Amino acid sequence: MTLKEANFRIDFLEGNTFPGFTMGETWNGFAKPYFTFTQAQALAAAWSSTGTKAFYDDQQDAFVFEMSGAPDDMDVYTAEEINGQTLYPIGGGSWIWEQVMDDEQNILQAVIS
């Protein structure tokens, strides 16, 4: 399994792009990203800014995300060891992630600049 750095976005967090890693996997045509602890913290902070809960649970070594504003509907993503790195597969296989391709990222940067 080869990890490659990539950027990802999700409609729910419109306007945000999140750096992470890919192994080229997809689920129903959508990207399956992996994030380092620091990257996952940034994602959790962006999620929390929408008014839904997201936090790190050190007992499980997992990031927990409240879904659809219901406190009893939580997605839990535990750490995985991949190629010697601890990564979190947040939303992989259940969220509608899109990998931002290099050309598209360059265009976005030009528009923002």
Protein backbone atom coordinates (compact mmCIF):
# COMPACT_ATOMS: atom_id res chain seq x y z
CA MET A 1 0.00 0.00 0.00
CA THR A 2 1.52 3.25 -1.14
CA LEU A 3 0.46 6.48 0.51
CA LYS A 4 0.43 9.65 -1.52
CA GLU A 5 -0.16 13.17 -0.20
CA ALA A 6 -3.38 14.69 -1.50
CA ASN A 7 -5.98 17.33 -0.74
CA PHE A 8 -9.64 16.60 -0.11
CA ARG A 9 -12.91 18.44 0.25
CA ILE A 10 -16.44 17.60 1.30
CA ASP A 11 -19.60 19.59 0.51
CA PHE A 12 -20.66 19.79 4.16
CA LEU A 13 -17.54 21.85 4.89
CA GLU A 14 -17.78 23.99 1.77
CA GLY A 15 -14.82 26.25 1.12
CA ASN A 16 -12.38 24.05 3.05
CA THR A 17 -9.69 21.84 1.60
CA PHE A 18 -7.99 19.32 3.88
CA PRO A 19 -4.52 17.87 3.32
CA GLY A 20 -4.21 14.16 3.89
CA PHE A 21 -3.16 10.94 2.22
CA THR A 22 -4.62 8.57 -0.33
CA MET A 23 -3.90 5.03 -1.41
CA GLY A 24 -6.06 5.54 -4.50
CA GLU A 25 -9.02 3.77 -2.93
CA THR A 26 -12.60 4.81 -3.59
CA TRP A 27 -16.01 3.98 -2.16
CA ASN A 28 -18.94 4.36 -4.59
CA GLY A 29 -16.66 6.60 -6.64
CA PHE A 30 -15.74 8.85 -3.70
CA ALA A 31 -12.26 9.28 -2.21
CA LYS A 32 -11.20 7.44 0.94
CA PRO A 33 -8.74 9.80 2.65
CA TYR A 34 -6.43 9.20 5.61
CA PHE A 35 -5.30 11.94 7.97
CA THR A 36 -2.47 12.38 10.47
CA PHE A 37 -3.41 13.32 14.03
CA THR A 38 -2.72 17.02 13.34
CA GLN A 39 -4.66 16.96 10.07
CA ALA A 40 -7.56 15.19 11.79
CA GLN A 41 -7.59 17.84 14.54
CA ALA A 42 -7.97 20.57 11.89
CA LEU A 43 -10.82 18.62 10.28
CA ALA A 44 -12.52 18.16 13.66
CA ALA A 45 -12.21 21.91 14.35
CA ALA A 46 -13.80 22.77 10.99
CA TRP A 47 -16.59 20.26 11.67
CA SER A 48 -17.21 21.73 15.15
CA SER A 49 -17.45 25.22 13.67
CA THR A 50 -20.73 24.15 12.02
CA GLY A 51 -22.36 23.54 15.40
CA THR A 52 -21.99 19.76 15.38
CA LYS A 53 -19.61 17.98 17.73
CA ALA A 54 -16.27 16.53 16.69
CA PHE A 55 -13.50 15.54 19.08
CA TYR A 56 -10.60 13.20 19.79
CA ASP A 57 -11.26 10.34 22.22
CA ASP A 58 -7.92 9.31 23.70
CA GLN A 59 -9.41 6.17 25.29
CA GLN A 60 -10.17 4.78 21.82
CA ASP A 61 -7.42 6.65 19.91
CA ALA A 62 -10.22 7.78 17.65
CA PHE A 63 -11.87 10.88 16.24
CA VAL A 64 -15.60 11.09 16.86
CA PHE A 65 -18.01 13.09 14.69
CA GLU A 66 -21.63 13.92 15.44
CA MET A 67 -23.78 13.25 12.41
CA SER A 68 -26.97 15.09 11.43
CA GLY A 69 -27.01 17.11 14.66
CA ALA A 70 -28.12 14.10 16.69
CA PRO A 71 -25.97 13.37 19.77
CA ASP A 72 -26.72 9.64 19.53
CA ASP A 73 -25.62 9.47 15.87
CA MET A 74 -21.81 9.44 16.04
CA ASP A 75 -19.20 8.23 13.54
CA VAL A 76 -16.01 6.91 15.17
CA TYR A 77 -12.72 6.61 13.26
CA THR A 78 -9.96 4.74 15.09
CA ALA A 79 -6.29 5.01 14.26
CA GLU A 80 -4.70 2.65 11.74
CA GLU A 81 -1.01 1.89 11.26
CA ILE A 82 -0.13 2.25 7.58
CA ASN A 83 3.46 2.09 6.40
CA GLY A 84 4.66 2.99 9.89
CA GLN A 85 2.38 6.02 10.19
CA THR A 86 -0.61 6.41 12.47
CA LEU A 87 -3.49 7.64 10.32
CA TYR A 88 -7.21 8.16 10.77
CA PRO A 89 -9.56 7.11 7.92
CA ILE A 90 -12.11 9.83 8.67
CA GLY A 91 -15.21 9.43 6.53
CA GLY A 92 -13.59 6.85 4.26
CA GLY A 93 -16.32 4.51 3.07
CA SER A 94 -19.20 6.63 4.31
CA TRP A 95 -18.68 10.34 3.57
CA ILE A 96 -18.73 11.95 0.13
CA TRP A 97 -15.09 13.02 -0.08
CA GLU A 98 -13.64 14.43 -3.28
CA GLN A 99 -9.91 14.43 -3.97
CA VAL A 100 -8.80 17.82 -5.28
CA MET A 101 -6.63 17.21 -8.30
CA ASP A 102 -3.38 19.19 -8.76
CA ASP A 103 -4.68 21.30 -11.67
CA GLU A 104 -7.84 22.15 -9.77
CA GLN A 105 -5.83 23.08 -6.65
CA ASN A 106 -3.65 25.40 -8.75
CA ILE A 107 -6.74 27.10 -10.15
CA LEU A 108 -8.22 27.49 -6.65
CA GLN A 109 -4.97 29.04 -5.39
CA ALA A 110 -4.89 31.46 -8.33
CA VAL A 111 -8.48 32.56 -7.67
CA ILE A 112 -7.80 33.05 -3.95
CA SER A 113 -4.56 34.99 -4.54
